[in-house]
Amino acid sequence: MAGNAQKLTVSLGEIEATAKRAMVAHGAVDWIAAEVAKAVRKAEATGNLICGLYYLESYCTQLRSGRVNGSVEPQVSKPKPANVKVDAGLGFAQPAFARGLPVAIETAKGMGTASLAICHSHTCTSLGYFTEQIAQAGLIGIGFTNASAVVSPPGGNAAVLGTNPMALAVPAKGGGVAFQFDQSTSAVALGKITMAASAGEQIPLGWAVDAEGNPTQDPNAALKGSLVSTGGYKGWGFGLMVEVLAAAVTGSVNSLDVKGLKAADGPPHDLGQFYLLIDPTGYSGDAFYDRLARVADAVEAQPGARLPGTRRALLEEVSIDAALWENCQALAQ
């Protein structure tokens, strides 16, 4: 490990091991901490900092306060032949997904399609982390989840939906992932507003409205108001779709009823995630990959253009804020 007083270069192995030790030290059992730590590592490797070590202190604090159960065994069942259900028991989403994924993959490969519902879980942070695993198994993975309400409807001024992301990952013919994306249905992630507020910077119009529903460039006014959907009514519709699948279909909590995700105390998150797993060759055979290649070739032929999630080099070590790393190490003691 090397660096100066502001930044440190840390290996991903150290990040994963430290995250695991920290969660075990705060009450998580070994295998559960290991599953969450793998997700922290991947987030840091891809530069998704908000879903990486940034969340570790919250995980540890909420393990101690009881907002997340770090020892519960997820319960896997099949309510119908193509439906796989995992009751996370108010524990972490990552181990619940790990328990349900092999059953969902086997079901999708046998039935052609399957759905996987993760019910009553802690926040899953990066949704694409999960859909990527589905694509690596040779299946199309589509995922949905919700979060605490921060997005108001068009013309409104009170938050009803979360940022409500959705993710898609498509398998490549020779294995691996052809392309993938993971995006919120809000115009921007809430973290960008809070970072602008901390830096004393303005935000672009179209990100948020104030408490009266007026467009604002003031991040502090935005934090007292609400975010808006990307693309106006179009994004709002997608956000509603995510809410239905993540909350209503899984029987988990509505965005309206989720307390702040990083708050130390309060009720468990009780969130849901919903995934569709599709055999890409079930209808058209190898024509699926031919059509996929047609699109990919047209994109790649354009200088500067690429399919989302491609040409992404995973790092083996990353630069981390020294104070953040010091705090993470302290949590692991």
C-alpha atoms as a PDB file:
ATOM      1  CA  MET A   1       0.000   0.000   0.000  1.00  0.00           C
ATOM      2  CA  ALA A   2       1.423   3.386  -0.992  1.00  0.00           C
ATOM      3  CA  GLY A   3       0.292   6.961  -1.359  1.00  0.00           C
ATOM      4  CA  ASN A   4       0.211  10.326   0.321  1.00  0.00           C
ATOM      5  CA  ALA A   5      -1.792  11.729   3.220  1.00  0.00           C
ATOM      6  CA  GLN A   6      -4.860  12.336   1.064  1.00  0.00           C
ATOM      7  CA  LYS A   7      -5.065   9.192  -1.073  1.00  0.00           C
ATOM      8  CA  LEU A   8      -3.872   5.631  -0.614  1.00  0.00           C
ATOM      9  CA  THR A   9      -3.478   2.879  -3.189  1.00  0.00           C
ATOM     10  CA  VAL A  10      -5.145  -0.258  -1.846  1.00  0.00           C
ATOM     11  CA  SER A  11      -5.467  -3.703  -3.450  1.00  0.00           C
ATOM     12  CA  LEU A  12      -8.902  -5.144  -4.056  1.00  0.00           C
ATOM     13  CA  GLY A  13      -7.896  -8.137  -1.980  1.00  0.00           C
ATOM     14  CA  GLU A  14      -7.264  -5.868   0.994  1.00  0.00           C
ATOM     15  CA  ILE A  15     -10.585  -4.120   0.418  1.00  0.00           C
ATOM     16  CA  GLU A  16     -12.536  -7.384   0.349  1.00  0.00           C
ATOM     17  CA  ALA A  17     -10.757  -8.806   3.388  1.00  0.00           C
ATOM     18  CA  THR A  18     -11.163  -5.611   5.413  1.00  0.00           C
ATOM     19  CA  ALA A  19     -14.852  -5.319   4.550  1.00  0.00           C
ATOM     20  CA  LYS A  20     -15.432  -8.928   5.591  1.00  0.00           C
ATOM     21  CA  ARG A  21     -13.553  -8.543   8.885  1.00  0.00           C
ATOM     22  CA  ALA A  22     -15.449  -5.350   9.676  1.00  0.00           C
ATOM     23  CA  MET A  23     -18.848  -6.970   9.211  1.00  0.00           C
ATOM     24  CA  VAL A  24     -17.860 -10.071  11.192  1.00  0.00           C
ATOM     25  CA  ALA A  25     -16.617  -7.789  13.977  1.00  0.00           C
ATOM     26  CA  HIS A  26     -20.056  -6.165  14.075  1.00  0.00           C
ATOM     27  CA  GLY A  27     -22.093  -9.361  14.199  1.00  0.00           C
ATOM     28  CA  ALA A  28     -22.323 -10.892  10.712  1.00  0.00           C
ATOM     29  CA  VAL A  29     -21.574 -14.584  10.324  1.00  0.00           C
ATOM     30  CA  ASP A  30     -18.614 -15.495   8.138  1.00  0.00           C
ATOM     31  CA  TRP A  31     -20.311 -16.582   4.893  1.00  0.00           C
ATOM     32  CA  ILE A  32     -22.754 -13.672   4.901  1.00  0.00           C
ATOM     33  CA  ALA A  33     -19.984 -11.137   5.465  1.00  0.00           C
ATOM     34  CA  ALA A  34     -18.019 -12.787   2.644  1.00  0.00           C
ATOM     35  CA  GLU A  35     -20.896 -12.397   0.165  1.00  0.00           C
ATOM     36  CA  VAL A  36     -21.362  -8.711   0.975  1.00  0.00           C
ATOM     37  CA  ALA A  37     -17.607  -8.093   0.886  1.00  0.00           C
ATOM     38  CA  LYS A  38     -17.435  -9.526  -2.658  1.00  0.00           C
ATOM     39  CA  ALA A  39     -19.983  -6.940  -3.756  1.00  0.00           C
ATOM     40  CA  VAL A  40     -18.002  -4.156  -2.048  1.00  0.00           C
ATOM     41  CA  ARG A  41     -14.883  -5.303  -3.904  1.00  0.00           C
ATOM     42  CA  LYS A  42     -16.658  -5.320  -7.279  1.00  0.00           C
ATOM     43  CA  ALA A  43     -18.078  -1.845  -6.704  1.00  0.00           C
ATOM     44  CA  GLU A  44     -14.616  -0.449  -5.979  1.00  0.00           C
ATOM     45  CA  ALA A  45     -13.141  -2.304  -8.964  1.00  0.00           C
ATOM     46  CA  THR A  46     -15.637  -0.696 -11.327  1.00  0.00           C
ATOM     47  CA  GLY A  47     -15.407   2.783  -9.825  1.00  0.00           C
ATOM     48  CA  ASN A  48     -18.927   2.581  -8.372  1.00  0.00           C
ATOM     49  CA  LEU A  49     -17.749   4.285  -5.201  1.00  0.00           C
ATOM     50  CA  ILE A  50     -21.179   4.959  -3.690  1.00  0.00           C
ATOM     51  CA  CYS A  51     -21.808   1.187  -3.515  1.00  0.00           C
ATOM     52  CA  GLY A  52     -18.338   0.274  -2.239  1.00  0.00           C
ATOM     53  CA  LEU A  53     -16.508   1.126   0.971  1.00  0.00           C
ATOM     54  CA  TYR A  54     -18.733   4.193   1.249  1.00  0.00           C
ATOM     55  CA  TYR A  55     -21.417   1.820   2.584  1.00  0.00           C
ATOM     56  CA  LEU A  56     -19.255  -0.202   4.974  1.00  0.00           C
ATOM     57  CA  GLU A  57     -19.731   1.957   8.061  1.00  0.00           C
ATOM     58  CA  SER A  58     -23.489   1.890   7.503  1.00  0.00           C
ATOM     59  CA  TYR A  59     -23.465  -1.906   7.215  1.00  0.00           C
ATOM     60  CA  CYS A  60     -21.540  -2.208  10.472  1.00  0.00           C
ATOM     61  CA  THR A  61     -23.637   0.342  12.352  1.00  0.00           C
ATOM     62  CA  GLN A  62     -26.882  -1.273  11.227  1.00  0.00           C
ATOM     63  CA  LEU A  63     -25.637  -4.746  12.128  1.00  0.00           C
ATOM     64  CA  ARG A  64     -25.194  -3.479  15.674  1.00  0.00           C
ATOM     65  CA  SER A  65     -28.495  -1.558  15.774  1.00  0.00           C
ATOM     66  CA  GLY A  66     -30.498  -4.442  14.302  1.00  0.00           C
ATOM     67  CA  ARG A  67     -31.565  -2.740  11.066  1.00  0.00           C
ATOM     68  CA  VAL A  68     -29.995  -5.696   9.260  1.00  0.00           C
ATOM     69  CA  ASN A  69     -29.736  -9.287  10.438  1.00  0.00           C
ATOM     70  CA  GLY A  70     -26.241 -10.618   9.787  1.00  0.00           C
ATOM     71  CA  SER A  71     -26.872 -14.215  10.780  1.00  0.00           C
ATOM     72  CA  VAL A  72     -30.218 -15.165   9.214  1.00  0.00           C
ATOM     73  CA  GLU A  73     -30.292 -18.042   6.711  1.00  0.00           C
ATOM     74  CA  PRO A  74     -32.244 -17.057   3.557  1.00  0.00           C
ATOM     75  CA  GLN A  75     -35.186 -19.351   2.808  1.00  0.00           C
ATOM     76  CA  VAL A  76     -35.506 -20.524  -0.818  1.00  0.00           C
ATOM     77  CA  SER A  77     -38.788 -21.848  -2.199  1.00  0.00           C
ATOM     78  CA  LYS A  78     -40.593 -22.350  -5.524  1.00  0.00           C
ATOM     79  CA  PRO A  79     -44.211 -21.129  -5.236  1.00  0.00           C
ATOM     80  CA  LYS A  80     -44.764 -22.070  -8.907  1.00  0.00           C
ATOM     81  CA  PRO A  81     -42.617 -24.053 -11.360  1.00  0.00           C
ATOM     82  CA  ALA A  82     -40.857 -21.026 -12.873  1.00  0.00           C
ATOM     83  CA  ASN A  83     -40.925 -18.804  -9.772  1.00  0.00           C
ATOM     84  CA  VAL A  84     -38.035 -18.830  -7.309  1.00  0.00           C
ATOM     85  CA  LYS A  85     -38.587 -16.968  -4.051  1.00  0.00           C
ATOM     86  CA  VAL A  86     -35.978 -16.114  -1.441  1.00  0.00           C
ATOM     87  CA  ASP A  87     -37.073 -14.705   1.900  1.00  0.00           C
ATOM     88  CA  ALA A  88     -34.022 -12.767   3.060  1.00  0.00           C
ATOM     89  CA  GLY A  89     -35.407 -12.537   6.599  1.00  0.00           C
ATOM     90  CA  LEU A  90     -34.451  -8.835   6.840  1.00  0.00           C
ATOM     91  CA  GLY A  91     -30.848  -9.774   6.163  1.00  0.00           C
ATOM     92  CA  PHE A  92     -28.467  -8.718   3.402  1.00  0.00           C
ATOM     93  CA  ALA A  93     -29.544  -9.019  -0.238  1.00  0.00           C
ATOM     94  CA  GLN A  94     -26.227 -10.448  -1.461  1.00  0.00           C
ATOM     95  CA  PRO A  95     -26.341 -13.761   0.448  1.00  0.00           C
ATOM     96  CA  ALA A  96     -30.050 -14.129  -0.316  1.00  0.00           C
ATOM     97  CA  PHE A  97     -29.290 -13.800  -4.027  1.00  0.00           C
ATOM     98  CA  ALA A  98     -26.396 -16.244  -3.707  1.00  0.00           C
ATOM     99  CA  ARG A  99     -28.730 -18.855  -2.221  1.00  0.00           C
ATOM    100  CA  GLY A 100     -31.434 -18.346  -4.858  1.00  0.00           C
ATOM    101  CA  LEU A 101     -29.374 -17.906  -8.018  1.00  0.00           C
ATOM    102  CA  PRO A 102     -28.408 -21.577  -8.647  1.00  0.00           C
ATOM    103  CA  VAL A 103     -32.056 -22.622  -8.344  1.00  0.00           C
ATOM    104  CA  ALA A 104     -33.171 -19.791 -10.650  1.00  0.00           C
ATOM    105  CA  ILE A 105     -30.515 -20.652 -13.263  1.00  0.00           C
ATOM    106  CA  GLU A 106     -31.474 -24.327 -13.256  1.00  0.00           C
ATOM    107  CA  THR A 107     -35.143 -23.364 -13.556  1.00  0.00           C
ATOM    108  CA  ALA A 108     -34.556 -20.918 -16.433  1.00  0.00           C
ATOM    109  CA  LYS A 109     -32.458 -23.412 -18.376  1.00  0.00           C
ATOM    110  CA  GLY A 110     -35.155 -26.041 -17.968  1.00  0.00           C
ATOM    111  CA  MET A 111     -38.229 -23.846 -18.457  1.00  0.00           C
ATOM    112  CA  GLY A 112     -36.803 -21.235 -20.828  1.00  0.00           C
ATOM    113  CA  THR A 113     -37.570 -18.413 -18.416  1.00  0.00           C
ATOM    114  CA  ALA A 114     -37.668 -17.948 -14.658  1.00  0.00           C
ATOM    115  CA  SER A 115     -38.204 -15.191 -12.161  1.00  0.00           C
ATOM    116  CA  LEU A 116     -36.268 -14.697  -8.940  1.00  0.00           C
ATOM    117  CA  ALA A 117     -37.823 -12.631  -6.156  1.00  0.00           C
ATOM    118  CA  ILE A 118     -35.636 -11.533  -3.255  1.00  0.00           C
ATOM    119  CA  CYS A 119     -38.050 -10.538  -0.509  1.00  0.00           C
ATOM    120  CA  HIS A 120     -37.594  -8.583   2.737  1.00  0.00           C
ATOM    121  CA  SER A 121     -33.918  -7.696   2.364  1.00  0.00           C
ATOM    122  CA  HIS A 122     -31.454  -4.941   3.137  1.00  0.00           C
ATOM    123  CA  THR A 123     -30.550  -2.624   0.258  1.00  0.00           C
ATOM    124  CA  CYS A 124     -28.736  -4.458  -2.545  1.00  0.00           C
ATOM    125  CA  THR A 125     -26.740  -1.305  -3.477  1.00  0.00           C
ATOM    126  CA  SER A 126     -25.517  -2.099  -7.041  1.00  0.00           C
ATOM    127  CA  LEU A 127     -28.259  -3.900  -8.978  1.00  0.00           C
ATOM    128  CA  GLY A 128     -25.967  -4.614 -11.920  1.00  0.00           C
ATOM    129  CA  TYR A 129     -23.758  -6.730  -9.670  1.00  0.00           C
ATOM    130  CA  PHE A 130     -26.544  -9.317  -9.688  1.00  0.00           C
ATOM    131  CA  THR A 131     -27.722  -9.163 -13.312  1.00  0.00           C
ATOM    132  CA  GLU A 132     -24.099  -9.581 -14.422  1.00  0.00           C
ATOM    133  CA  GLN A 133     -23.979 -12.923 -12.602  1.00  0.00           C
ATOM    134  CA  ILE A 134     -27.089 -14.043 -14.481  1.00  0.00           C
ATOM    135  CA  ALA A 135     -25.489 -13.158 -17.836  1.00  0.00           C
ATOM    136  CA  GLN A 136     -22.286 -14.965 -16.887  1.00  0.00           C
ATOM    137  CA  ALA A 137     -24.443 -18.084 -16.554  1.00  0.00           C
ATOM    138  CA  GLY A 138     -25.510 -17.669 -20.209  1.00  0.00           C
ATOM    139  CA  LEU A 139     -28.895 -16.083 -19.535  1.00  0.00           C
ATOM    140  CA  ILE A 140     -30.348 -12.629 -20.090  1.00  0.00           C
ATOM    141  CA  GLY A 141     -30.723 -10.987 -16.676  1.00  0.00           C
ATOM    142  CA  ILE A 142     -33.115  -8.123 -15.980  1.00  0.00           C
ATOM    143  CA  GLY A 143     -33.383  -6.685 -12.471  1.00  0.00           C
ATOM    144  CA  PHE A 144     -35.479  -4.173 -10.560  1.00  0.00           C
ATOM    145  CA  THR A 145     -35.352  -2.716  -7.047  1.00  0.00           C
ATOM    146  CA  ASN A 146     -36.681   0.277  -5.158  1.00  0.00           C
ATOM    147  CA  ALA A 147     -35.408   2.476  -2.332  1.00  0.00           C
ATOM    148  CA  SER A 148     -36.535   5.213   0.046  1.00  0.00           C
ATOM    149  CA  ALA A 149     -38.780   7.807  -1.606  1.00  0.00           C
ATOM    150  CA  VAL A 150     -36.873  10.732  -3.122  1.00  0.00           C
ATOM    151  CA  VAL A 151     -38.616  11.186  -6.511  1.00  0.00           C
ATOM    152  CA  SER A 152     -41.823  13.188  -6.947  1.00  0.00           C
ATOM    153  CA  PRO A 153     -44.305  12.699  -9.810  1.00  0.00           C
ATOM    154  CA  PRO A 154     -44.271  15.139 -12.740  1.00  0.00           C
ATOM    155  CA  GLY A 155     -46.068  18.282 -11.614  1.00  0.00           C
ATOM    156  CA  GLY A 156     -45.828  17.268  -7.964  1.00  0.00           C
ATOM    157  CA  ASN A 157     -43.639  18.283  -5.038  1.00  0.00           C
ATOM    158  CA  ALA A 158     -43.686  15.289  -2.660  1.00  0.00           C
ATOM    159  CA  ALA A 159     -41.518  12.190  -3.098  1.00  0.00           C
ATOM    160  CA  VAL A 160     -43.348   8.942  -3.845  1.00  0.00           C
ATOM    161  CA  LEU A 161     -40.776   6.686  -5.519  1.00  0.00           C
ATOM    162  CA  GLY A 162     -37.152   5.855  -4.872  1.00  0.00           C
ATOM    163  CA  THR A 163     -34.469   6.204  -7.518  1.00  0.00           C
ATOM    164  CA  ASN A 164     -35.834   2.772  -8.525  1.00  0.00           C
ATOM    165  CA  PRO A 165     -33.052   1.400 -10.709  1.00  0.00           C
ATOM    166  CA  MET A 166     -33.309  -1.291 -13.323  1.00  0.00           C
ATOM    167  CA  ALA A 167     -30.473  -3.291 -14.840  1.00  0.00           C
ATOM    168  CA  LEU A 168     -29.955  -5.477 -17.900  1.00  0.00           C
ATOM    169  CA  ALA A 169     -27.092  -7.861 -18.666  1.00  0.00           C
ATOM    170  CA  VAL A 170     -26.844  -9.843 -21.922  1.00  0.00           C
ATOM    171  CA  PRO A 171     -24.627 -12.905 -22.329  1.00  0.00           C
ATOM    172  CA  ALA A 172     -21.963 -13.169 -25.040  1.00  0.00           C
ATOM    173  CA  LYS A 173     -21.911 -16.162 -27.364  1.00  0.00           C
ATOM    174  CA  GLY A 174     -18.538 -17.410 -26.210  1.00  0.00           C
ATOM    175  CA  GLY A 175     -19.207 -16.779 -22.535  1.00  0.00           C
ATOM    176  CA  GLY A 176     -19.096 -13.677 -20.404  1.00  0.00           C
ATOM    177  CA  VAL A 177     -21.178 -10.549 -20.860  1.00  0.00           C
ATOM    178  CA  ALA A 178     -21.887  -8.894 -24.225  1.00  0.00           C
ATOM    179  CA  PHE A 179     -23.087  -5.676 -22.619  1.00  0.00           C
ATOM    180  CA  GLN A 180     -24.879  -4.450 -19.529  1.00  0.00           C
ATOM    181  CA  PHE A 181     -26.297  -1.359 -17.899  1.00  0.00           C
ATOM    182  CA  ASP A 182     -27.546  -0.393 -14.460  1.00  0.00           C
ATOM    183  CA  GLN A 183     -29.381   2.905 -14.209  1.00  0.00           C
ATOM    184  CA  SER A 184     -31.793   4.720 -11.963  1.00  0.00           C
ATOM    185  CA  THR A 185     -35.144   5.908 -13.249  1.00  0.00           C
ATOM    186  CA  SER A 186     -34.516   9.260 -11.557  1.00  0.00           C
ATOM    187  CA  ALA A 187     -32.678  11.985 -13.455  1.00  0.00           C
ATOM    188  CA  VAL A 188     -29.654  11.510 -11.199  1.00  0.00           C
ATOM    189  CA  ALA A 189     -28.544   9.545  -8.165  1.00  0.00           C
ATOM    190  CA  LEU A 190     -29.225  11.215  -4.819  1.00  0.00           C
ATOM    191  CA  GLY A 191     -25.513  10.939  -4.000  1.00  0.00           C
ATOM    192  CA  LYS A 192     -24.683  13.465  -6.712  1.00  0.00           C
ATOM    193  CA  ILE A 193     -26.949  15.999  -5.012  1.00  0.00           C
ATOM    194  CA  THR A 194     -25.371  15.434  -1.597  1.00  0.00           C
ATOM    195  CA  MET A 195     -21.869  15.657  -3.063  1.00  0.00           C
ATOM    196  CA  ALA A 196     -22.724  18.956  -4.771  1.00  0.00           C
ATOM    197  CA  ALA A 197     -24.099  20.291  -1.491  1.00  0.00           C
ATOM    198  CA  SER A 198     -20.929  19.288   0.353  1.00  0.00           C
ATOM    199  CA  ALA A 199     -18.774  20.943  -2.318  1.00  0.00           C
ATOM    200  CA  GLY A 200     -20.872  24.123  -2.373  1.00  0.00           C
ATOM    201  CA  GLU A 201     -21.617  23.638  -6.071  1.00  0.00           C
ATOM    202  CA  GLN A 202     -24.808  24.191  -8.049  1.00  0.00           C
ATOM    203  CA  ILE A 203     -26.644  21.361  -9.775  1.00  0.00           C
ATOM    204  CA  PRO A 204     -28.038  21.454 -13.331  1.00  0.00           C
ATOM    205  CA  LEU A 205     -31.693  22.285 -13.870  1.00  0.00           C
ATOM    206  CA  GLY A 206     -33.676  19.119 -14.483  1.00  0.00           C
ATOM    207  CA  TRP A 207     -32.221  17.149 -11.589  1.00  0.00           C
ATOM    208  CA  ALA A 208     -34.561  18.177  -8.800  1.00  0.00           C
ATOM    209  CA  VAL A 209     -37.291  20.477  -7.516  1.00  0.00           C
ATOM    210  CA  ASP A 210     -37.543  22.367  -4.235  1.00  0.00           C
ATOM    211  CA  ALA A 211     -40.170  21.791  -1.541  1.00  0.00           C
ATOM    212  CA  GLU A 212     -42.708  23.797  -3.558  1.00  0.00           C
ATOM    213  CA  GLY A 213     -42.117  21.787  -6.721  1.00  0.00           C
ATOM    214  CA  ASN A 214     -40.086  24.468  -8.503  1.00  0.00           C
ATOM    215  CA  PRO A 215     -36.995  23.484 -10.539  1.00  0.00           C
ATOM    216  CA  THR A 216     -33.834  24.379  -8.627  1.00  0.00           C
ATOM    217  CA  GLN A 217     -30.067  24.542  -9.069  1.00  0.00           C
ATOM    218  CA  ASP A 218     -29.499  24.747  -5.309  1.00  0.00           C
ATOM    219  CA  PRO A 219     -28.541  21.287  -3.987  1.00  0.00           C
ATOM    220  CA  ASN A 220     -29.635  22.192  -0.450  1.00  0.00           C
ATOM    221  CA  ALA A 221     -33.074  23.192  -1.730  1.00  0.00           C
ATOM    222  CA  ALA A 222     -33.142  19.963  -3.711  1.00  0.00           C
ATOM    223  CA  LEU A 223     -32.406  17.930  -0.585  1.00  0.00           C
ATOM    224  CA  LYS A 224     -35.384  19.585   1.089  1.00  0.00           C
ATOM    225  CA  GLY A 225     -37.465  18.923  -2.029  1.00  0.00           C
ATOM    226  CA  SER A 226     -37.232  15.889  -4.304  1.00  0.00           C
ATOM    227  CA  LEU A 227     -35.590  14.451  -7.373  1.00  0.00           C
ATOM    228  CA  VAL A 228     -37.375  14.193 -10.707  1.00  0.00           C
ATOM    229  CA  SER A 229     -37.614  11.260 -13.121  1.00  0.00           C
ATOM    230  CA  THR A 230     -35.316  10.997 -16.092  1.00  0.00           C
ATOM    231  CA  GLY A 231     -37.170  11.991 -19.225  1.00  0.00           C
ATOM    232  CA  GLY A 232     -40.168  13.345 -17.318  1.00  0.00           C
ATOM    233  CA  TYR A 233     -43.304  11.220 -17.723  1.00  0.00           C
ATOM    234  CA  LYS A 234     -41.363   8.475 -19.536  1.00  0.00           C
ATOM    235  CA  GLY A 235     -38.958   7.958 -16.653  1.00  0.00           C
ATOM    236  CA  TRP A 236     -41.810   8.239 -14.170  1.00  0.00           C
ATOM    237  CA  GLY A 237     -43.543   5.341 -15.938  1.00  0.00           C
ATOM    238  CA  PHE A 238     -40.424   3.204 -15.707  1.00  0.00           C
ATOM    239  CA  GLY A 239     -40.107   4.118 -12.022  1.00  0.00           C
ATOM    240  CA  LEU A 240     -43.668   2.967 -11.417  1.00  0.00           C
ATOM    241  CA  MET A 241     -42.947  -0.298 -13.227  1.00  0.00           C
ATOM    242  CA  VAL A 242     -39.951  -0.899 -10.971  1.00  0.00           C
ATOM    243  CA  GLU A 243     -42.035  -0.115  -7.891  1.00  0.00           C
ATOM    244  CA  VAL A 244     -44.666  -2.660  -8.875  1.00  0.00           C
ATOM    245  CA  LEU A 245     -42.120  -5.417  -9.503  1.00  0.00           C
ATOM    246  CA  ALA A 246     -39.789  -4.705  -6.576  1.00  0.00           C
ATOM    247  CA  ALA A 247     -42.390  -3.948  -3.907  1.00  0.00           C
ATOM    248  CA  ALA A 248     -45.782  -5.316  -4.899  1.00  0.00           C
ATOM    249  CA  VAL A 249     -44.684  -8.546  -6.601  1.00  0.00           C
ATOM    250  CA  THR A 250     -42.199  -9.462  -3.852  1.00  0.00           C
ATOM    251  CA  GLY A 251     -44.470  -8.346  -1.002  1.00  0.00           C
ATOM    252  CA  SER A 252     -41.699  -6.093   0.284  1.00  0.00           C
ATOM    253  CA  VAL A 253     -41.913  -2.461   1.293  1.00  0.00           C
ATOM    254  CA  ASN A 254     -43.014   0.527  -0.820  1.00  0.00           C
ATOM    255  CA  SER A 255     -40.547   3.343  -1.386  1.00  0.00           C
ATOM    256  CA  LEU A 256     -42.905   5.546   0.635  1.00  0.00           C
ATOM    257  CA  ASP A 257     -42.326   3.398   3.709  1.00  0.00           C
ATOM    258  CA  VAL A 258     -38.533   2.956   3.600  1.00  0.00           C
ATOM    259  CA  LYS A 259     -36.652   5.065   6.099  1.00  0.00           C
ATOM    260  CA  GLY A 260     -33.259   6.553   5.178  1.00  0.00           C
ATOM    261  CA  LEU A 261     -31.101   3.691   3.941  1.00  0.00           C
ATOM    262  CA  LYS A 262     -28.007   4.774   5.876  1.00  0.00           C
ATOM    263  CA  ALA A 263     -29.730   5.888   9.071  1.00  0.00           C
ATOM    264  CA  ALA A 264     -28.160   4.123  12.043  1.00  0.00           C
ATOM    265  CA  ASP A 265     -31.431   3.245  13.752  1.00  0.00           C
ATOM    266  CA  GLY A 266     -34.963   2.491  12.673  1.00  0.00           C
ATOM    267  CA  PRO A 267     -36.873  -0.420  11.166  1.00  0.00           C
ATOM    268  CA  PRO A 268     -35.136  -2.846   8.775  1.00  0.00           C
ATOM    269  CA  HIS A 269     -35.143  -1.829   5.115  1.00  0.00           C
ATOM    270  CA  ASP A 270     -37.485  -4.692   4.096  1.00  0.00           C
ATOM    271  CA  LEU A 271     -36.758  -4.063   0.393  1.00  0.00           C
ATOM    272  CA  GLY A 272     -37.352  -6.376  -2.546  1.00  0.00           C
ATOM    273  CA  GLN A 273     -35.508  -7.140  -5.756  1.00  0.00           C
ATOM    274  CA  PHE A 274     -37.062  -8.857  -8.753  1.00  0.00           C
ATOM    275  CA  TYR A 275     -35.110 -10.569 -11.538  1.00  0.00           C
ATOM    276  CA  LEU A 276     -36.107 -12.109 -14.841  1.00  0.00           C
ATOM    277  CA  LEU A 277     -33.866 -14.840 -16.257  1.00  0.00           C
ATOM    278  CA  ILE A 278     -34.326 -15.651 -19.947  1.00  0.00           C
ATOM    279  CA  ASP A 279     -32.683 -18.324 -22.118  1.00  0.00           C
ATOM    280  CA  PRO A 280     -31.580 -16.160 -25.068  1.00  0.00           C
ATOM    281  CA  THR A 281     -31.666 -19.036 -27.566  1.00  0.00           C
ATOM    282  CA  GLY A 282     -34.982 -20.507 -26.460  1.00  0.00           C
ATOM    283  CA  TYR A 283     -36.958 -19.047 -29.356  1.00  0.00           C
ATOM    284  CA  SER A 284     -34.508 -18.208 -32.134  1.00  0.00           C
ATOM    285  CA  GLY A 285     -31.501 -20.419 -31.456  1.00  0.00           C
ATOM    286  CA  ASP A 286     -28.190 -18.963 -32.590  1.00  0.00           C
ATOM    287  CA  ALA A 287     -30.055 -16.255 -34.488  1.00  0.00           C
ATOM    288  CA  PHE A 288     -30.104 -14.463 -31.142  1.00  0.00           C
ATOM    289  CA  TYR A 289     -26.345 -14.014 -31.277  1.00  0.00           C
ATOM    290  CA  ASP A 290     -26.462 -13.048 -34.961  1.00  0.00           C
ATOM    291  CA  ARG A 291     -28.912 -10.237 -34.223  1.00  0.00           C
ATOM    292  CA  LEU A 292     -26.891  -9.174 -31.203  1.00  0.00           C
ATOM    293  CA  ALA A 293     -23.732  -9.048 -33.321  1.00  0.00           C
ATOM    294  CA  ARG A 294     -25.528  -6.926 -35.930  1.00  0.00           C
ATOM    295  CA  VAL A 295     -26.176  -4.238 -33.320  1.00  0.00           C
ATOM    296  CA  ALA A 296     -22.751  -4.541 -31.698  1.00  0.00           C
ATOM    297  CA  ASP A 297     -20.956  -4.231 -35.049  1.00  0.00           C
ATOM    298  CA  ALA A 298     -22.941  -1.114 -35.955  1.00  0.00           C
ATOM    299  CA  VAL A 299     -22.003   0.512 -32.660  1.00  0.00           C
ATOM    300  CA  GLU A 300     -18.359  -0.529 -32.728  1.00  0.00           C
ATOM    301  CA  ALA A 301     -17.959   0.841 -36.257  1.00  0.00           C
ATOM    302  CA  GLN A 302     -18.453   4.349 -34.885  1.00  0.00           C
ATOM    303  CA  PRO A 303     -15.330   5.910 -33.356  1.00  0.00           C
ATOM    304  CA  GLY A 304     -15.944   6.800 -29.728  1.00  0.00           C
ATOM    305  CA  ALA A 305     -19.130   4.708 -29.439  1.00  0.00           C
ATOM    306  CA  ARG A 306     -19.528   1.517 -27.433  1.00  0.00           C
ATOM    307  CA  LEU A 307     -22.190  -0.694 -25.961  1.00  0.00           C
ATOM    308  CA  PRO A 308     -22.723  -0.017 -22.241  1.00  0.00           C
ATOM    309  CA  GLY A 309     -20.490  -1.941 -19.901  1.00  0.00           C
ATOM    310  CA  THR A 310     -17.982  -2.923 -22.598  1.00  0.00           C
ATOM    311  CA  ARG A 311     -14.280  -2.069 -22.753  1.00  0.00           C
ATOM    312  CA  ARG A 312     -14.294  -1.827 -18.984  1.00  0.00           C
ATOM    313  CA  ALA A 313     -11.025  -2.831 -17.387  1.00  0.00           C
ATOM    314  CA  LEU A 314     -11.333  -4.105 -13.838  1.00  0.00           C
ATOM    315  CA  LEU A 315      -8.667  -2.722 -11.545  1.00  0.00           C
ATOM    316  CA  GLU A 316      -6.568  -4.778  -9.118  1.00  0.00           C
ATOM    317  CA  GLU A 317      -5.855  -1.795  -6.902  1.00  0.00           C
ATOM    318  CA  VAL A 318      -7.622   1.508  -6.452  1.00  0.00           C
ATOM    319  CA  SER A 319      -6.988   4.938  -5.020  1.00  0.00           C
ATOM    320  CA  ILE A 320      -9.003   5.532  -1.857  1.00  0.00           C
ATOM    321  CA  ASP A 321      -9.453   8.525   0.407  1.00  0.00           C
ATOM    322  CA  ALA A 322      -7.041   8.009   3.305  1.00  0.00           C
ATOM    323  CA  ALA A 323      -9.579   8.975   5.973  1.00  0.00           C
ATOM    324  CA  LEU A 324     -12.142   6.520   4.545  1.00  0.00           C
ATOM    325  CA  TRP A 325      -9.612   3.682   4.528  1.00  0.00           C
ATOM    326  CA  GLU A 326      -8.503   4.470   8.068  1.00  0.00           C
ATOM    327  CA  ASN A 327     -12.130   4.326   9.200  1.00  0.00           C
ATOM    328  CA  CYS A 328     -12.656   0.990   7.424  1.00  0.00           C
ATOM    329  CA  GLN A 329      -9.607  -0.491   9.117  1.00  0.00           C
ATOM    330  CA  ALA A 330     -10.845   0.725  12.475  1.00  0.00           C
ATOM    331  CA  LEU A 331     -14.193  -0.962  11.832  1.00  0.00           C
ATOM    332  CA  ALA A 332     -12.343  -4.214  11.155  1.00  0.00           C
ATOM    333  CA  GLN A 333     -10.505  -4.222  14.488  1.00  0.00           C
END
